[in-house]
Amino acid sequence: MIEDYFFAPTTRLTTPTSGLIYTDEDGNDTDILQAIKRLDTNYKTIMERLSILDNPSAEQLEKHKMLKEAYTKYKFIESLCIEEDDS
């Protein structure tokens, strides 16, 4: 069991009986396991929404003209960003 583990002079990680609690420099306590669950939920939501633009079905593109336009713009922006990363 970790009593105190310092990430920085003003941050602290402790293990109380309820789980891991992270105390930030402002003194706010956060349950790490709950924070990880929220991050996982947010990540899944983001990926689900991005998949509409990144990999739309042919039916969706045919049915929704705006989606087709958004897909085209997204792919163009993505190519610009990839080119910048390669430079």
N, C-alpha and C. Protein backbone atom coordinates (compact mmCIF):
# COMPACT_ATOMS: atom_id res chain seq x y z
N MET A 1 0.85 -1.19 0.00
CA MET A 1 0.00 0.00 0.00
C MET A 1 0.89 1.24 0.00
N ILE A 2 0.56 2.17 -0.87
CA ILE A 2 1.31 3.41 -0.97
C ILE A 2 0.66 4.43 -0.05
N GLU A 3 1.43 4.94 0.90
CA GLU A 3 0.88 5.97 1.78
C GLU A 3 0.95 7.34 1.11
N ASP A 4 2.11 7.73 0.67
CA ASP A 4 2.29 8.99 -0.04
C ASP A 4 3.29 8.78 -1.16
N TYR A 5 2.93 9.19 -2.36
CA TYR A 5 3.85 9.11 -3.48
C TYR A 5 3.78 10.46 -4.18
N PHE A 6 4.90 11.15 -4.24
CA PHE A 6 4.92 12.51 -4.79
C PHE A 6 5.26 12.51 -6.27
N PHE A 7 4.33 13.03 -7.11
CA PHE A 7 4.58 13.23 -8.53
C PHE A 7 5.30 14.55 -8.74
N ALA A 8 4.95 15.51 -7.96
CA ALA A 8 5.55 16.85 -7.99
C ALA A 8 5.45 17.38 -6.57
N PRO A 9 6.15 18.44 -6.25
CA PRO A 9 6.11 18.95 -4.87
C PRO A 9 4.71 19.23 -4.35
N THR A 10 3.76 19.54 -5.23
CA THR A 10 2.43 19.91 -4.76
C THR A 10 1.36 18.86 -5.05
N THR A 11 1.73 17.70 -5.59
CA THR A 11 0.74 16.66 -5.86
C THR A 11 1.04 15.44 -5.02
N ARG A 12 -0.01 14.66 -4.71
CA ARG A 12 0.15 13.52 -3.83
C ARG A 12 -0.81 12.42 -4.24
N LEU A 13 -0.36 11.18 -4.17
CA LEU A 13 -1.19 10.01 -4.46
C LEU A 13 -1.25 9.17 -3.20
N THR A 14 -2.44 8.86 -2.75
CA THR A 14 -2.59 8.03 -1.55
C THR A 14 -3.54 6.88 -1.86
N THR A 15 -3.51 5.86 -1.03
CA THR A 15 -4.42 4.73 -1.20
C THR A 15 -5.27 4.55 0.05
N PRO A 16 -6.38 5.24 0.14
CA PRO A 16 -7.29 5.00 1.25
C PRO A 16 -8.07 3.71 0.99
N THR A 17 -8.92 3.34 1.93
CA THR A 17 -9.65 2.08 1.79
C THR A 17 -10.61 2.09 0.59
N SER A 18 -11.05 3.26 0.12
CA SER A 18 -12.01 3.31 -0.98
C SER A 18 -11.36 3.20 -2.35
N GLY A 19 -10.05 3.32 -2.47
CA GLY A 19 -9.37 3.26 -3.75
C GLY A 19 -8.28 4.31 -3.84
N LEU A 20 -7.75 4.47 -5.02
CA LEU A 20 -6.68 5.45 -5.21
C LEU A 20 -7.27 6.85 -5.34
N ILE A 21 -6.72 7.76 -4.58
CA ILE A 21 -7.15 9.15 -4.62
C ILE A 21 -5.96 10.01 -5.00
N TYR A 22 -6.14 10.86 -5.98
CA TYR A 22 -5.10 11.78 -6.43
C TYR A 22 -5.46 13.16 -5.91
N THR A 23 -4.52 13.80 -5.24
CA THR A 23 -4.73 15.16 -4.76
C THR A 23 -3.88 16.10 -5.61
N ASP A 24 -4.55 17.03 -6.31
CA ASP A 24 -3.78 17.95 -7.16
C ASP A 24 -3.24 19.11 -6.35
N GLU A 25 -2.53 20.01 -7.04
CA GLU A 25 -1.87 21.12 -6.35
C GLU A 25 -2.85 22.09 -5.71
N ASP A 26 -4.12 22.07 -6.14
CA ASP A 26 -5.14 22.93 -5.54
C ASP A 26 -5.84 22.27 -4.36
N GLY A 27 -5.44 21.03 -4.06
CA GLY A 27 -6.04 20.32 -2.94
C GLY A 27 -7.30 19.55 -3.30
N ASN A 28 -7.63 19.44 -4.59
CA ASN A 28 -8.81 18.71 -5.03
C ASN A 28 -8.49 17.22 -5.10
N ASP A 29 -9.35 16.41 -4.51
CA ASP A 29 -9.18 14.96 -4.54
C ASP A 29 -9.98 14.36 -5.69
N THR A 30 -9.37 13.40 -6.40
CA THR A 30 -10.02 12.71 -7.51
C THR A 30 -9.79 11.22 -7.34
N ASP A 31 -10.86 10.45 -7.41
CA ASP A 31 -10.74 8.99 -7.38
C ASP A 31 -10.24 8.56 -8.76
N ILE A 32 -9.06 7.98 -8.82
CA ILE A 32 -8.42 7.64 -10.09
C ILE A 32 -9.23 6.62 -10.87
N LEU A 33 -9.78 5.63 -10.21
CA LEU A 33 -10.56 4.62 -10.93
C LEU A 33 -11.79 5.22 -11.58
N GLN A 34 -12.45 6.14 -10.88
CA GLN A 34 -13.62 6.81 -11.47
C GLN A 34 -13.20 7.70 -12.63
N ALA A 35 -12.05 8.37 -12.50
CA ALA A 35 -11.56 9.22 -13.58
C ALA A 35 -11.23 8.38 -14.82
N ILE A 36 -10.65 7.20 -14.61
CA ILE A 36 -10.34 6.32 -15.74
C ILE A 36 -11.62 5.85 -16.43
N LYS A 37 -12.64 5.54 -15.66
CA LYS A 37 -13.92 5.12 -16.24
C LYS A 37 -14.53 6.25 -17.07
N ARG A 38 -14.45 7.50 -16.56
CA ARG A 38 -14.98 8.65 -17.31
C ARG A 38 -14.18 8.85 -18.60
N LEU A 39 -12.86 8.72 -18.52
CA LEU A 39 -12.03 8.85 -19.72
C LEU A 39 -12.38 7.78 -20.74
N ASP A 40 -12.60 6.55 -20.29
CA ASP A 40 -12.96 5.47 -21.20
C ASP A 40 -14.29 5.75 -21.88
N THR A 41 -15.26 6.21 -21.12
CA THR A 41 -16.57 6.55 -21.69
C THR A 41 -16.44 7.68 -22.71
N ASN A 42 -15.68 8.72 -22.35
CA ASN A 42 -15.47 9.84 -23.27
C ASN A 42 -14.75 9.40 -24.53
N TYR A 43 -13.74 8.56 -24.39
CA TYR A 43 -12.99 8.05 -25.54
C TYR A 43 -13.91 7.28 -26.49
N LYS A 44 -14.73 6.40 -25.93
CA LYS A 44 -15.64 5.61 -26.76
C LYS A 44 -16.63 6.50 -27.51
N THR A 45 -17.12 7.54 -26.84
CA THR A 45 -18.06 8.47 -27.47
C THR A 45 -17.37 9.23 -28.61
N ILE A 46 -16.16 9.70 -28.36
CA ILE A 46 -15.41 10.43 -29.39
C ILE A 46 -15.16 9.53 -30.59
N MET A 47 -14.72 8.31 -30.35
CA MET A 47 -14.42 7.39 -31.45
C MET A 47 -15.67 7.04 -32.24
N GLU A 48 -16.79 6.89 -31.54
CA GLU A 48 -18.06 6.59 -32.22
C GLU A 48 -18.45 7.74 -33.14
N ARG A 49 -18.29 8.97 -32.65
CA ARG A 49 -18.66 10.13 -33.45
C ARG A 49 -17.69 10.35 -34.60
N LEU A 50 -16.40 10.13 -34.36
CA LEU A 50 -15.42 10.28 -35.44
C LEU A 50 -15.61 9.24 -36.53
N SER A 51 -16.08 8.06 -36.16
CA SER A 51 -16.26 7.02 -37.16
C SER A 51 -17.29 7.41 -38.20
N ILE A 52 -18.21 8.29 -37.85
CA ILE A 52 -19.20 8.78 -38.82
C ILE A 52 -18.48 9.52 -39.95
N LEU A 53 -17.47 10.31 -39.60
CA LEU A 53 -16.72 11.05 -40.61
C LEU A 53 -15.60 10.22 -41.23
N ASP A 54 -14.94 9.43 -40.42
CA ASP A 54 -13.77 8.70 -40.89
C ASP A 54 -14.14 7.51 -41.77
N ASN A 55 -15.25 6.86 -41.46
CA ASN A 55 -15.60 5.65 -42.20
C ASN A 55 -17.12 5.52 -42.33
N PRO A 56 -17.76 6.48 -43.02
CA PRO A 56 -19.22 6.40 -43.15
C PRO A 56 -19.61 5.29 -44.13
N SER A 57 -20.79 4.76 -43.92
CA SER A 57 -21.27 3.73 -44.84
C SER A 57 -21.71 4.38 -46.14
N ALA A 58 -21.75 3.59 -47.20
CA ALA A 58 -22.18 4.10 -48.50
C ALA A 58 -23.62 4.60 -48.42
N GLU A 59 -24.45 3.92 -47.64
CA GLU A 59 -25.85 4.34 -47.47
C GLU A 59 -25.92 5.71 -46.83
N GLN A 60 -25.11 5.93 -45.78
CA GLN A 60 -25.13 7.22 -45.10
C GLN A 60 -24.70 8.34 -46.05
N LEU A 61 -23.65 8.09 -46.84
CA LEU A 61 -23.17 9.11 -47.77
C LEU A 61 -24.21 9.43 -48.82
N GLU A 62 -24.90 8.41 -49.28
CA GLU A 62 -25.91 8.59 -50.32
C GLU A 62 -27.13 9.33 -49.76
N LYS A 63 -27.52 9.00 -48.55
CA LYS A 63 -28.72 9.56 -47.95
C LYS A 63 -28.52 10.99 -47.45
N HIS A 64 -27.32 11.30 -46.97
CA HIS A 64 -27.10 12.60 -46.34
C HIS A 64 -26.02 13.38 -47.11
N LYS A 65 -26.45 14.33 -47.90
CA LYS A 65 -25.52 15.11 -48.71
C LYS A 65 -24.51 15.85 -47.83
N MET A 66 -24.97 16.38 -46.70
CA MET A 66 -24.07 17.11 -45.80
C MET A 66 -22.97 16.20 -45.25
N LEU A 67 -23.30 14.95 -45.00
CA LEU A 67 -22.31 14.01 -44.51
C LEU A 67 -21.23 13.78 -45.55
N LYS A 68 -21.64 13.66 -46.80
CA LYS A 68 -20.67 13.47 -47.88
C LYS A 68 -19.74 14.68 -47.98
N GLU A 69 -20.29 15.88 -47.87
CA GLU A 69 -19.47 17.09 -47.89
C GLU A 69 -18.52 17.13 -46.70
N ALA A 70 -19.03 16.79 -45.54
CA ALA A 70 -18.19 16.78 -44.33
C ALA A 70 -17.08 15.75 -44.44
N TYR A 71 -17.41 14.58 -45.00
CA TYR A 71 -16.42 13.52 -45.18
C TYR A 71 -15.30 13.99 -46.11
N THR A 72 -15.68 14.64 -47.19
CA THR A 72 -14.69 15.15 -48.15
C THR A 72 -13.78 16.18 -47.49
N LYS A 73 -14.37 17.10 -46.74
CA LYS A 73 -13.58 18.12 -46.05
C LYS A 73 -12.69 17.49 -44.98
N TYR A 74 -13.23 16.53 -44.24
CA TYR A 74 -12.46 15.85 -43.19
C TYR A 74 -11.23 15.16 -43.79
N LYS A 75 -11.43 14.45 -44.89
CA LYS A 75 -10.32 13.75 -45.52
C LYS A 75 -9.27 14.73 -46.05
N PHE A 76 -9.70 15.88 -46.55
CA PHE A 76 -8.77 16.89 -47.01
C PHE A 76 -7.95 17.45 -45.85
N ILE A 77 -8.62 17.80 -44.76
CA ILE A 77 -7.94 18.32 -43.57
C ILE A 77 -6.99 17.27 -43.00
N GLU A 78 -7.44 16.03 -42.96
CA GLU A 78 -6.61 14.94 -42.47
C GLU A 78 -5.33 14.82 -43.30
N SER A 79 -5.46 14.91 -44.63
CA SER A 79 -4.28 14.81 -45.49
C SER A 79 -3.31 15.96 -45.25
N LEU A 80 -3.84 17.16 -45.01
CA LEU A 80 -2.98 18.31 -44.69
C LEU A 80 -2.22 18.08 -43.38
N CYS A 81 -2.90 17.56 -42.40
CA CYS A 81 -2.27 17.31 -41.09
C CYS A 81 -1.22 16.22 -41.19
N ILE A 82 -1.49 15.19 -41.95
CA ILE A 82 -0.53 14.08 -42.11
C ILE A 82 0.71 14.58 -42.84
N GLU A 83 0.52 15.43 -43.85
CA GLU A 83 1.65 16.00 -44.57
C GLU A 83 2.52 16.83 -43.63
N GLU A 84 1.90 17.61 -42.72
CA GLU A 84 2.64 18.42 -41.77
C GLU A 84 3.44 17.54 -40.81
N ASP A 85 2.85 16.42 -40.37
CA ASP A 85 3.52 15.52 -39.45
C ASP A 85 4.72 14.86 -40.10
N ASP A 86 4.63 14.58 -41.40
CA ASP A 86 5.72 13.92 -42.13
C ASP A 86 6.90 14.85 -42.39
N SER A 87 6.65 16.16 -42.35
CA SER A 87 7.70 17.13 -42.67
C SER A 87 8.76 17.20 -41.60
